[in-house]
Amino acid sequence: EAAIDCNRRNYEKLLLNINEYPEVKPVLKRNLSVGVVLNYAQSLYEAFQASAQKSDVGNDPLFHYLEEAERLMEEDARESKCENFYNYVNNTSFRCHILIAQRKFAEAK
């Protein structure tokens, strides 16, 4: 939970800074957001995985974490496709892992 909260705060700060400083070059904005968005999505995915392992003890897996991680990676993939193919491939691969965890096999193809 602490990692998620920290990464969520970083993500929210990034969004505020992007809106507050429109003069910052788009490439710099993009480079900053890649790590922040990926860290946040990964922390959500890892928390889901941990909760899924505990689900046999009576706890429900945290599927809402996967939904948020999917949304983040979908937005990120849309934005990075034209700018950095390497990031696009990595982020799309990670998004596929998220989709598979949600049993959205057709979308993950």
PDB file of N, CA and C in Angstrom:
ATOM      1  N   GLU A   1       0.805  -1.199   0.000  1.00  0.00           N
ATOM      2  CA  GLU A   1       0.000   0.000   0.000  1.00  0.00           C
ATOM      3  C   GLU A   1       0.850   1.267   0.000  1.00  0.00           C
ATOM      4  N   ALA A   2       1.948   1.262   0.721  1.00  0.00           N
ATOM      5  CA  ALA A   2       2.796   2.455   0.799  1.00  0.00           C
ATOM      6  C   ALA A   2       3.375   2.795  -0.567  1.00  0.00           C
ATOM      7  N   ALA A   3       3.789   1.775  -1.309  1.00  0.00           N
ATOM      8  CA  ALA A   3       4.346   2.011  -2.647  1.00  0.00           C
ATOM      9  C   ALA A   3       3.285   2.581  -3.573  1.00  0.00           C
ATOM     10  N   ILE A   4       2.074   2.061  -3.476  1.00  0.00           N
ATOM     11  CA  ILE A   4       0.980   2.568  -4.316  1.00  0.00           C
ATOM     12  C   ILE A   4       0.698   4.021  -3.982  1.00  0.00           C
ATOM     13  N   ASP A   5       0.612   4.341  -2.704  1.00  0.00           N
ATOM     14  CA  ASP A   5       0.341   5.719  -2.302  1.00  0.00           C
ATOM     15  C   ASP A   5       1.433   6.676  -2.779  1.00  0.00           C
ATOM     16  N   CYS A   6       2.669   6.266  -2.624  1.00  0.00           N
ATOM     17  CA  CYS A   6       3.799   7.089  -3.073  1.00  0.00           C
ATOM     18  C   CYS A   6       3.757   7.296  -4.583  1.00  0.00           C
ATOM     19  N   ASN A   7       3.537   6.222  -5.332  1.00  0.00           N
ATOM     20  CA  ASN A   7       3.489   6.321  -6.792  1.00  0.00           C
ATOM     21  C   ASN A   7       2.271   7.099  -7.262  1.00  0.00           C
ATOM     22  N   ARG A   8       1.147   6.971  -6.557  1.00  0.00           N
ATOM     23  CA  ARG A   8      -0.047   7.746  -6.908  1.00  0.00           C
ATOM     24  C   ARG A   8       0.223   9.237  -6.710  1.00  0.00           C
ATOM     25  N   ARG A   9       0.878   9.586  -5.593  1.00  0.00           N
ATOM     26  CA  ARG A   9       1.218  11.006  -5.350  1.00  0.00           C
ATOM     27  C   ARG A   9       2.145  11.531  -6.446  1.00  0.00           C
ATOM     28  N   ASN A  10       3.140  10.748  -6.832  1.00  0.00           N
ATOM     29  CA  ASN A  10       4.039  11.171  -7.911  1.00  0.00           C
ATOM     30  C   ASN A  10       3.276  11.374  -9.211  1.00  0.00           C
ATOM     31  N   TYR A  11       2.347  10.476  -9.491  1.00  0.00           N
ATOM     32  CA  TYR A  11       1.531  10.584 -10.704  1.00  0.00           C
ATOM     33  C   TYR A  11       0.674  11.847 -10.653  1.00  0.00           C
ATOM     34  N   GLU A  12       0.042  12.108  -9.516  1.00  0.00           N
ATOM     35  CA  GLU A  12      -0.789  13.304  -9.380  1.00  0.00           C
ATOM     36  C   GLU A  12       0.040  14.577  -9.492  1.00  0.00           C
ATOM     37  N   LYS A  13       1.242  14.575  -8.907  1.00  0.00           N
ATOM     38  CA  LYS A  13       2.140  15.735  -9.034  1.00  0.00           C
ATOM     39  C   LYS A  13       2.541  15.953 -10.483  1.00  0.00           C
ATOM     40  N   LEU A  14       2.823  14.862 -11.202  1.00  0.00           N
ATOM     41  CA  LEU A  14       3.181  14.964 -12.613  1.00  0.00           C
ATOM     42  C   LEU A  14       2.057  15.627 -13.402  1.00  0.00           C
ATOM     43  N   LEU A  15       0.820  15.179 -13.173  1.00  0.00           N
ATOM     44  CA  LEU A  15      -0.317  15.762 -13.888  1.00  0.00           C
ATOM     45  C   LEU A  15      -0.461  17.247 -13.570  1.00  0.00           C
ATOM     46  N   LEU A  16      -0.289  17.611 -12.305  1.00  0.00           N
ATOM     47  CA  LEU A  16      -0.373  19.027 -11.929  1.00  0.00           C
ATOM     48  C   LEU A  16       0.720  19.848 -12.608  1.00  0.00           C
ATOM     49  N   ASN A  17       1.936  19.328 -12.613  1.00  0.00           N
ATOM     50  CA  ASN A  17       3.051  20.061 -13.225  1.00  0.00           C
ATOM     51  C   ASN A  17       2.890  20.198 -14.731  1.00  0.00           C
ATOM     52  N   ILE A  18       2.385  19.177 -15.370  1.00  0.00           N
ATOM     53  CA  ILE A  18       2.165  19.255 -16.817  1.00  0.00           C
ATOM     54  C   ILE A  18       1.143  20.348 -17.129  1.00  0.00           C
ATOM     55  N   ASN A  19       0.088  20.419 -16.331  1.00  0.00           N
ATOM     56  CA  ASN A  19      -0.935  21.442 -16.553  1.00  0.00           C
ATOM     57  C   ASN A  19      -0.458  22.830 -16.147  1.00  0.00           C
ATOM     58  N   GLU A  20       0.370  22.901 -15.113  1.00  0.00           N
ATOM     59  CA  GLU A  20       0.818  24.190 -14.609  1.00  0.00           C
ATOM     60  C   GLU A  20       1.907  24.820 -15.477  1.00  0.00           C
ATOM     61  N   TYR A  21       2.725  23.998 -16.112  1.00  0.00           N
ATOM     62  CA  TYR A  21       3.842  24.501 -16.905  1.00  0.00           C
ATOM     63  C   TYR A  21       3.730  24.044 -18.360  1.00  0.00           C
ATOM     64  N   PRO A  22       2.810  24.644 -19.107  1.00  0.00           N
ATOM     65  CA  PRO A  22       2.620  24.216 -20.501  1.00  0.00           C
ATOM     66  C   PRO A  22       3.823  24.545 -21.396  1.00  0.00           C
ATOM     67  N   GLU A  23       4.706  25.423 -20.929  1.00  0.00           N
ATOM     68  CA  GLU A  23       5.853  25.806 -21.750  1.00  0.00           C
ATOM     69  C   GLU A  23       6.947  24.731 -21.764  1.00  0.00           C
ATOM     70  N   VAL A  24       6.869  23.766 -20.856  1.00  0.00           N
ATOM     71  CA  VAL A  24       7.863  22.686 -20.842  1.00  0.00           C
ATOM     72  C   VAL A  24       7.714  21.894 -22.132  1.00  0.00           C
ATOM     73  N   LYS A  25       8.841  21.569 -22.729  1.00  0.00           N
ATOM     74  CA  LYS A  25       8.826  20.877 -24.008  1.00  0.00           C
ATOM     75  C   LYS A  25       8.092  19.542 -23.890  1.00  0.00           C
ATOM     76  N   PRO A  26       7.273  19.213 -24.893  1.00  0.00           N
ATOM     77  CA  PRO A  26       6.523  17.950 -24.855  1.00  0.00           C
ATOM     78  C   PRO A  26       7.414  16.719 -24.684  1.00  0.00           C
ATOM     79  N   VAL A  27       8.597  16.737 -25.262  1.00  0.00           N
ATOM     80  CA  VAL A  27       9.482  15.576 -25.145  1.00  0.00           C
ATOM     81  C   VAL A  27       9.934  15.390 -23.698  1.00  0.00           C
ATOM     82  N   LEU A  28      10.238  16.490 -23.023  1.00  0.00           N
ATOM     83  CA  LEU A  28      10.636  16.410 -21.628  1.00  0.00           C
ATOM     84  C   LEU A  28       9.477  15.908 -20.766  1.00  0.00           C
ATOM     85  N   LYS A  29       8.271  16.430 -21.034  1.00  0.00           N
ATOM     86  CA  LYS A  29       7.092  15.960 -20.322  1.00  0.00           C
ATOM     87  C   LYS A  29       6.932  14.458 -20.506  1.00  0.00           C
ATOM     88  N   ARG A  30       7.101  14.019 -21.730  1.00  0.00           N
ATOM     89  CA  ARG A  30       6.912  12.611 -22.063  1.00  0.00           C
ATOM     90  C   ARG A  30       7.946  11.749 -21.330  1.00  0.00           C
ATOM     91  N   ASN A  31       9.202  12.189 -21.340  1.00  0.00           N
ATOM     92  CA  ASN A  31      10.252  11.419 -20.672  1.00  0.00           C
ATOM     93  C   ASN A  31      10.003  11.318 -19.167  1.00  0.00           C
ATOM     94  N   LEU A  32       9.513  12.390 -18.570  1.00  0.00           N
ATOM     95  CA  LEU A  32       9.204  12.359 -17.143  1.00  0.00           C
ATOM     96  C   LEU A  32       8.032  11.435 -16.848  1.00  0.00           C
ATOM     97  N   SER A  33       7.032  11.476 -17.700  1.00  0.00           N
ATOM     98  CA  SER A  33       5.827  10.705 -17.415  1.00  0.00           C
ATOM     99  C   SER A  33       6.019   9.204 -17.607  1.00  0.00           C
ATOM    100  N   VAL A  34       6.938   8.801 -18.475  1.00  0.00           N
ATOM    101  CA  VAL A  34       7.131   7.369 -18.735  1.00  0.00           C
ATOM    102  C   VAL A  34       7.435   6.617 -17.446  1.00  0.00           C
ATOM    103  N   GLY A  35       8.401   7.070 -16.693  1.00  0.00           N
ATOM    104  CA  GLY A  35       8.777   6.387 -15.468  1.00  0.00           C
ATOM    105  C   GLY A  35       7.718   6.469 -14.394  1.00  0.00           C
ATOM    106  N   VAL A  36       7.099   7.624 -14.245  1.00  0.00           N
ATOM    107  CA  VAL A  36       6.101   7.818 -13.199  1.00  0.00           C
ATOM    108  C   VAL A  36       4.879   6.933 -13.455  1.00  0.00           C
ATOM    109  N   VAL A  37       4.382   6.934 -14.668  1.00  0.00           N
ATOM    110  CA  VAL A  37       3.207   6.139 -15.009  1.00  0.00           C
ATOM    111  C   VAL A  37       3.515   4.651 -14.880  1.00  0.00           C
ATOM    112  N   LEU A  38       4.661   4.232 -15.402  1.00  0.00           N
ATOM    113  CA  LEU A  38       5.029   2.819 -15.329  1.00  0.00           C
ATOM    114  C   LEU A  38       5.195   2.367 -13.878  1.00  0.00           C
ATOM    115  N   ASN A  39       5.852   3.157 -13.042  1.00  0.00           N
ATOM    116  CA  ASN A  39       6.017   2.796 -11.628  1.00  0.00           C
ATOM    117  C   ASN A  39       4.673   2.651 -10.922  1.00  0.00           C
ATOM    118  N   TYR A  40       3.774   3.563 -11.198  1.00  0.00           N
ATOM    119  CA  TYR A  40       2.453   3.517 -10.574  1.00  0.00           C
ATOM    120  C   TYR A  40       1.700   2.264 -11.033  1.00  0.00           C
ATOM    121  N   ALA A  41       1.683   2.014 -12.336  1.00  0.00           N
ATOM    122  CA  ALA A  41       0.981   0.845 -12.869  1.00  0.00           C
ATOM    123  C   ALA A  41       1.599  -0.456 -12.335  1.00  0.00           C
ATOM    124  N   GLN A  42       2.925  -0.504 -12.265  1.00  0.00           N
ATOM    125  CA  GLN A  42       3.577  -1.712 -11.755  1.00  0.00           C
ATOM    126  C   GLN A  42       3.250  -1.947 -10.282  1.00  0.00           C
ATOM    127  N   SER A  43       3.196  -0.890  -9.492  1.00  0.00           N
ATOM    128  CA  SER A  43       2.867  -1.078  -8.075  1.00  0.00           C
ATOM    129  C   SER A  43       1.435  -1.585  -7.917  1.00  0.00           C
ATOM    130  N   LEU A  44       0.523  -1.114  -8.761  1.00  0.00           N
ATOM    131  CA  LEU A  44      -0.857  -1.612  -8.726  1.00  0.00           C
ATOM    132  C   LEU A  44      -0.917  -3.087  -9.125  1.00  0.00           C
ATOM    133  N   TYR A  45      -0.179  -3.438 -10.169  1.00  0.00           N
ATOM    134  CA  TYR A  45      -0.155  -4.821 -10.653  1.00  0.00           C
ATOM    135  C   TYR A  45       0.442  -5.751  -9.595  1.00  0.00           C
ATOM    136  N   GLU A  46       1.525  -5.332  -8.981  1.00  0.00           N
ATOM    137  CA  GLU A  46       2.168  -6.157  -7.947  1.00  0.00           C
ATOM    138  C   GLU A  46       1.264  -6.318  -6.721  1.00  0.00           C
ATOM    139  N   ALA A  47       0.529  -5.275  -6.363  1.00  0.00           N
ATOM    140  CA  ALA A  47      -0.408  -5.379  -5.239  1.00  0.00           C
ATOM    141  C   ALA A  47      -1.536  -6.345  -5.584  1.00  0.00           C
ATOM    142  N   PHE A  48      -1.982  -6.304  -6.833  1.00  0.00           N
ATOM    143  CA  PHE A  48      -3.007  -7.271  -7.246  1.00  0.00           C
ATOM    144  C   PHE A  48      -2.472  -8.694  -7.137  1.00  0.00           C
ATOM    145  N   GLN A  49      -1.260  -8.910  -7.638  1.00  0.00           N
ATOM    146  CA  GLN A  49      -0.676 -10.254  -7.585  1.00  0.00           C
ATOM    147  C   GLN A  49      -0.570 -10.751  -6.145  1.00  0.00           C
ATOM    148  N   ALA A  50      -0.142  -9.891  -5.253  1.00  0.00           N
ATOM    149  CA  ALA A  50      -0.028 -10.277  -3.846  1.00  0.00           C
ATOM    150  C   ALA A  50      -1.404 -10.600  -3.271  1.00  0.00           C
ATOM    151  N   SER A  51      -2.414  -9.815  -3.625  1.00  0.00           N
ATOM    152  CA  SER A  51      -3.755 -10.070  -3.106  1.00  0.00           C
ATOM    153  C   SER A  51      -4.341 -11.346  -3.708  1.00  0.00           C
ATOM    154  N   ALA A  52      -3.986 -11.651  -4.949  1.00  0.00           N
ATOM    155  CA  ALA A  52      -4.474 -12.874  -5.589  1.00  0.00           C
ATOM    156  C   ALA A  52      -3.903 -14.110  -4.901  1.00  0.00           C
ATOM    157  N   GLN A  53      -2.672 -14.012  -4.450  1.00  0.00           N
ATOM    158  CA  GLN A  53      -2.062 -15.138  -3.740  1.00  0.00           C
ATOM    159  C   GLN A  53      -2.733 -15.360  -2.389  1.00  0.00           C
ATOM    160  N   LYS A  54      -3.267 -14.307  -1.814  1.00  0.00           N
ATOM    161  CA  LYS A  54      -3.939 -14.417  -0.514  1.00  0.00           C
ATOM    162  C   LYS A  54      -5.427 -14.740  -0.662  1.00  0.00           C
ATOM    163  N   SER A  55      -5.924 -14.756  -1.904  1.00  0.00           N
ATOM    164  CA  SER A  55      -7.365 -14.935  -2.115  1.00  0.00           C
ATOM    165  C   SER A  55      -7.847 -16.307  -1.675  1.00  0.00           C
ATOM    166  N   ASP A  56      -6.959 -17.286  -1.648  1.00  0.00           N
ATOM    167  CA  ASP A  56      -7.375 -18.615  -1.195  1.00  0.00           C
ATOM    168  C   ASP A  56      -7.587 -18.666   0.317  1.00  0.00           C
ATOM    169  N   VAL A  57      -7.220 -17.610   0.999  1.00  0.00           N
ATOM    170  CA  VAL A  57      -7.404 -17.538   2.447  1.00  0.00           C
ATOM    171  C   VAL A  57      -8.700 -16.779   2.776  1.00  0.00           C
ATOM    172  N   GLY A  58      -9.453 -16.440   1.761  1.00  0.00           N
ATOM    173  CA  GLY A  58     -10.722 -15.755   1.981  1.00  0.00           C
ATOM    174  C   GLY A  58     -10.738 -14.297   1.568  1.00  0.00           C
ATOM    175  N   ASN A  59      -9.615 -13.759   1.163  1.00  0.00           N
ATOM    176  CA  ASN A  59      -9.564 -12.366   0.709  1.00  0.00           C
ATOM    177  C   ASN A  59      -9.834 -12.317  -0.789  1.00  0.00           C
ATOM    178  N   ASP A  60     -10.549 -11.291  -1.209  1.00  0.00           N
ATOM    179  CA  ASP A  60     -10.790 -11.115  -2.639  1.00  0.00           C
ATOM    180  C   ASP A  60      -9.605 -10.395  -3.270  1.00  0.00           C
ATOM    181  N   PRO A  61      -9.196 -10.833  -4.470  1.00  0.00           N
ATOM    182  CA  PRO A  61      -8.123 -10.099  -5.168  1.00  0.00           C
ATOM    183  C   PRO A  61      -8.574  -8.670  -5.476  1.00  0.00           C
ATOM    184  N   LEU A  62      -7.638  -7.775  -5.552  1.00  0.00           N
ATOM    185  CA  LEU A  62      -7.931  -6.354  -5.774  1.00  0.00           C
ATOM    186  C   LEU A  62      -8.015  -6.043  -7.271  1.00  0.00           C
ATOM    187  N   PHE A  63      -9.125  -6.464  -7.896  1.00  0.00           N
ATOM    188  CA  PHE A  63      -9.276  -6.292  -9.339  1.00  0.00           C
ATOM    189  C   PHE A  63      -9.315  -4.824  -9.752  1.00  0.00           C
ATOM    190  N   HIS A  64      -9.776  -3.941  -8.860  1.00  0.00           N
ATOM    191  CA  HIS A  64      -9.820  -2.519  -9.221  1.00  0.00           C
ATOM    192  C   HIS A  64      -8.407  -1.972  -9.453  1.00  0.00           C
ATOM    193  N   TYR A  65      -7.402  -2.579  -8.838  1.00  0.00           N
ATOM    194  CA  TYR A  65      -6.023  -2.167  -9.108  1.00  0.00           C
ATOM    195  C   TYR A  65      -5.650  -2.476 -10.555  1.00  0.00           C
ATOM    196  N   LEU A  66      -6.091  -3.628 -11.043  1.00  0.00           N
ATOM    197  CA  LEU A  66      -5.794  -3.987 -12.434  1.00  0.00           C
ATOM    198  C   LEU A  66      -6.480  -3.039 -13.402  1.00  0.00           C
ATOM    199  N   GLU A  67      -7.700  -2.660 -13.093  1.00  0.00           N
ATOM    200  CA  GLU A  67      -8.428  -1.744 -13.971  1.00  0.00           C
ATOM    201  C   GLU A  67      -7.705  -0.405 -14.085  1.00  0.00           C
ATOM    202  N   GLU A  68      -7.223   0.097 -12.953  1.00  0.00           N
ATOM    203  CA  GLU A  68      -6.485   1.369 -12.961  1.00  0.00           C
ATOM    204  C   GLU A  68      -5.155   1.211 -13.714  1.00  0.00           C
ATOM    205  N   ALA A  69      -4.453   0.112 -13.486  1.00  0.00           N
ATOM    206  CA  ALA A  69      -3.185  -0.132 -14.179  1.00  0.00           C
ATOM    207  C   ALA A  69      -3.413  -0.233 -15.682  1.00  0.00           C
ATOM    208  N   GLU A  70      -4.485  -0.901 -16.074  1.00  0.00           N
ATOM    209  CA  GLU A  70      -4.801  -1.021 -17.506  1.00  0.00           C
ATOM    210  C   GLU A  70      -5.058   0.354 -18.116  1.00  0.00           C
ATOM    211  N   ARG A  71      -5.836   1.182 -17.416  1.00  0.00           N
ATOM    212  CA  ARG A  71      -6.135   2.531 -17.927  1.00  0.00           C
ATOM    213  C   ARG A  71      -4.857   3.345 -18.104  1.00  0.00           C
ATOM    214  N   LEU A  72      -3.983   3.282 -17.118  1.00  0.00           N
ATOM    215  CA  LEU A  72      -2.722   4.027 -17.190  1.00  0.00           C
ATOM    216  C   LEU A  72      -1.890   3.588 -18.387  1.00  0.00           C
ATOM    217  N   MET A  73      -1.762   2.269 -18.564  1.00  0.00           N
ATOM    218  CA  MET A  73      -0.911   1.760 -19.634  1.00  0.00           C
ATOM    219  C   MET A  73      -1.539   1.991 -20.999  1.00  0.00           C
ATOM    220  N   GLU A  74      -2.853   1.968 -21.069  1.00  0.00           N
ATOM    221  CA  GLU A  74      -3.530   2.240 -22.338  1.00  0.00           C
ATOM    222  C   GLU A  74      -3.285   3.679 -22.776  1.00  0.00           C
ATOM    223  N   GLU A  75      -3.440   4.614 -21.844  1.00  0.00           N
ATOM    224  CA  GLU A  75      -3.180   6.027 -22.149  1.00  0.00           C
ATOM    225  C   GLU A  75      -1.721   6.236 -22.526  1.00  0.00           C
ATOM    226  N   ASP A  76      -0.840   5.602 -21.775  1.00  0.00           N
ATOM    227  CA  ASP A  76       0.588   5.753 -22.023  1.00  0.00           C
ATOM    228  C   ASP A  76       0.972   5.199 -23.385  1.00  0.00           C
ATOM    229  N   ALA A  77       0.408   4.053 -23.751  1.00  0.00           N
ATOM    230  CA  ALA A  77       0.718   3.453 -25.055  1.00  0.00           C
ATOM    231  C   ALA A  77       0.249   4.357 -26.188  1.00  0.00           C
ATOM    232  N   ARG A  78      -0.928   4.946 -26.022  1.00  0.00           N
ATOM    233  CA  ARG A  78      -1.438   5.861 -27.057  1.00  0.00           C
ATOM    234  C   ARG A  78      -0.499   7.037 -27.262  1.00  0.00           C
ATOM    235  N   GLU A  79       0.017   7.576 -26.164  1.00  0.00           N
ATOM    236  CA  GLU A  79       0.883   8.757 -26.249  1.00  0.00           C
ATOM    237  C   GLU A  79       2.291   8.421 -26.715  1.00  0.00           C
ATOM    238  N   SER A  80       2.798   7.250 -26.356  1.00  0.00           N
ATOM    239  CA  SER A  80       4.204   6.934 -26.653  1.00  0.00           C
ATOM    240  C   SER A  80       4.406   6.282 -28.006  1.00  0.00           C
ATOM    241  N   LYS A  81       3.350   5.862 -28.654  1.00  0.00           N
ATOM    242  CA  LYS A  81       3.472   5.124 -29.907  1.00  0.00           C
ATOM    243  C   LYS A  81       4.309   5.866 -30.944  1.00  0.00           C
ATOM    244  N   CYS A  82       4.073   7.126 -31.076  1.00  0.00           N
ATOM    245  CA  CYS A  82       4.765   7.899 -32.106  1.00  0.00           C
ATOM    246  C   CYS A  82       6.125   8.411 -31.656  1.00  0.00           C
ATOM    247  N   GLU A  83       6.373   8.468 -30.369  1.00  0.00           N
ATOM    248  CA  GLU A  83       7.579   9.122 -29.877  1.00  0.00           C
ATOM    249  C   GLU A  83       8.737   8.179 -29.584  1.00  0.00           C
ATOM    250  N   ASN A  84       8.441   7.030 -29.019  1.00  0.00           N
ATOM    251  CA  ASN A  84       9.511   6.129 -28.612  1.00  0.00           C
ATOM    252  C   ASN A  84       9.021   4.697 -28.764  1.00  0.00           C
ATOM    253  N   PHE A  85       9.447   4.058 -29.828  1.00  0.00           N
ATOM    254  CA  PHE A  85       8.959   2.721 -30.136  1.00  0.00           C
ATOM    255  C   PHE A  85       9.351   1.719 -29.055  1.00  0.00           C
ATOM    256  N   TYR A  86      10.540   1.858 -28.484  1.00  0.00           N
ATOM    257  CA  TYR A  86      11.005   0.943 -27.441  1.00  0.00           C
ATOM    258  C   TYR A  86      10.074   0.986 -26.227  1.00  0.00           C
ATOM    259  N   ASN A  87       9.735   2.194 -25.772  1.00  0.00           N
ATOM    260  CA  ASN A  87       8.808   2.329 -24.645  1.00  0.00           C
ATOM    261  C   ASN A  87       7.427   1.796 -25.002  1.00  0.00           C
ATOM    262  N   TYR A  88       7.014   2.058 -26.225  1.00  0.00           N
ATOM    263  CA  TYR A  88       5.703   1.579 -26.677  1.00  0.00           C
ATOM    264  C   TYR A  88       5.631   0.056 -26.598  1.00  0.00           C
ATOM    265  N   VAL A  89       6.671  -0.628 -27.062  1.00  0.00           N
ATOM    266  CA  VAL A  89       6.687  -2.093 -27.035  1.00  0.00           C
ATOM    267  C   VAL A  89       6.686  -2.601 -25.594  1.00  0.00           C
ATOM    268  N   ASN A  90       7.536  -2.035 -24.752  1.00  0.00           N
ATOM    269  CA  ASN A  90       7.587  -2.465 -23.352  1.00  0.00           C
ATOM    270  C   ASN A  90       6.266  -2.227 -22.631  1.00  0.00           C
ATOM    271  N   ASN A  91       5.687  -1.069 -22.836  1.00  0.00           N
ATOM    272  CA  ASN A  91       4.430  -0.736 -22.163  1.00  0.00           C
ATOM    273  C   ASN A  91       3.278  -1.589 -22.680  1.00  0.00           C
ATOM    274  N   THR A  92       3.280  -1.877 -23.976  1.00  0.00           N
ATOM    275  CA  THR A  92       2.242  -2.734 -24.547  1.00  0.00           C
ATOM    276  C   THR A  92       2.374  -4.154 -24.006  1.00  0.00           C
ATOM    277  N   SER A  93       3.599  -4.620 -23.861  1.00  0.00           N
ATOM    278  CA  SER A  93       3.828  -5.945 -23.290  1.00  0.00           C
ATOM    279  C   SER A  93       3.308  -6.009 -21.850  1.00  0.00           C
ATOM    280  N   PHE A  94       3.612  -4.994 -21.080  1.00  0.00           N
ATOM    281  CA  PHE A  94       3.140  -4.951 -19.695  1.00  0.00           C
ATOM    282  C   PHE A  94       1.618  -4.879 -19.652  1.00  0.00           C
ATOM    283  N   ARG A  95       1.033  -4.101 -20.552  1.00  0.00           N
ATOM    284  CA  ARG A  95      -0.431  -4.000 -20.622  1.00  0.00           C
ATOM    285  C   ARG A  95      -1.042  -5.360 -20.925  1.00  0.00           C
ATOM    286  N   CYS A  96      -0.386  -6.152 -21.762  1.00  0.00           N
ATOM    287  CA  CYS A  96      -0.877  -7.498 -22.062  1.00  0.00           C
ATOM    288  C   CYS A  96      -0.883  -8.377 -20.811  1.00  0.00           C
ATOM    289  N   HIS A  97       0.131  -8.249 -19.984  1.00  0.00           N
ATOM    290  CA  HIS A  97       0.158  -8.999 -18.721  1.00  0.00           C
ATOM    291  C   HIS A  97      -1.038  -8.604 -17.838  1.00  0.00           C
ATOM    292  N   ILE A  98      -1.336  -7.327 -17.826  1.00  0.00           N
ATOM    293  CA  ILE A  98      -2.474  -6.835 -17.040  1.00  0.00           C
ATOM    294  C   ILE A  98      -3.779  -7.403 -17.596  1.00  0.00           C
ATOM    295  N   LEU A  99      -3.922  -7.369 -18.916  1.00  0.00           N
ATOM    296  CA  LEU A  99      -5.136  -7.887 -19.546  1.00  0.00           C
ATOM    297  C   LEU A  99      -5.300  -9.384 -19.287  1.00  0.00           C
ATOM    298  N   ILE A 100      -4.211 -10.122 -19.356  1.00  0.00           N
ATOM    299  CA  ILE A 100      -4.264 -11.566 -19.110  1.00  0.00           C
ATOM    300  C   ILE A 100      -4.682 -11.835 -17.665  1.00  0.00           C
ATOM    301  N   ALA A 101      -4.172 -11.049 -16.732  1.00  0.00           N
ATOM    302  CA  ALA A 101      -4.555 -11.213 -15.329  1.00  0.00           C
ATOM    303  C   ALA A 101      -6.047 -10.958 -15.130  1.00  0.00           C
ATOM    304  N   GLN A 102      -6.626 -10.126 -15.997  1.00  0.00           N
ATOM    305  CA  GLN A 102      -8.058  -9.840 -15.932  1.00  0.00           C
ATOM    306  C   GLN A 102      -8.867 -10.832 -16.770  1.00  0.00           C
ATOM    307  N   ARG A 103      -8.186 -11.765 -17.395  1.00  0.00           N
ATOM    308  CA  ARG A 103      -8.802 -12.764 -18.264  1.00  0.00           C
ATOM    309  C   ARG A 103      -9.395 -12.133 -19.529  1.00  0.00           C
ATOM    310  N   LYS A 104      -8.818 -11.041 -19.982  1.00  0.00           N
ATOM    311  CA  LYS A 104      -9.226 -10.381 -21.221  1.00  0.00           C
ATOM    312  C   LYS A 104      -8.295 -10.853 -22.339  1.00  0.00           C
ATOM    313  N   PHE A 105      -8.397 -12.135 -22.648  1.00  0.00           N
ATOM    314  CA  PHE A 105      -7.463 -12.768 -23.570  1.00  0.00           C
ATOM    315  C   PHE A 105      -7.563 -12.204 -24.992  1.00  0.00           C
ATOM    316  N   ALA A 106      -8.766 -11.918 -25.449  1.00  0.00           N
ATOM    317  CA  ALA A 106      -8.928 -11.401 -26.813  1.00  0.00           C
ATOM    318  C   ALA A 106      -8.239 -10.040 -26.974  1.00  0.00           C
ATOM    319  N   GLU A 107      -8.355  -9.196 -25.974  1.00  0.00           N
ATOM    320  CA  GLU A 107      -7.711  -7.880 -26.035  1.00  0.00           C
ATOM    321  C   GLU A 107      -6.194  -7.982 -25.948  1.00  0.00           C
ATOM    322  N   ALA A 108      -5.706  -9.016 -25.277  1.00  0.00           N
ATOM    323  CA  ALA A 108      -4.271  -9.170 -25.072  1.00  0.00           C
ATOM    324  C   ALA A 108      -3.552  -9.690 -26.309  1.00  0.00           C
ATOM    325  N   LYS A 109      -4.292 -10.189 -27.280  1.00  0.00           N
ATOM    326  CA  LYS A 109      -3.668 -10.751 -28.492  1.00  0.00           C
ATOM    327  C   LYS A 109      -2.815  -9.749 -29.218  1.00  0.00           C
TER     328      LYS A 109
END
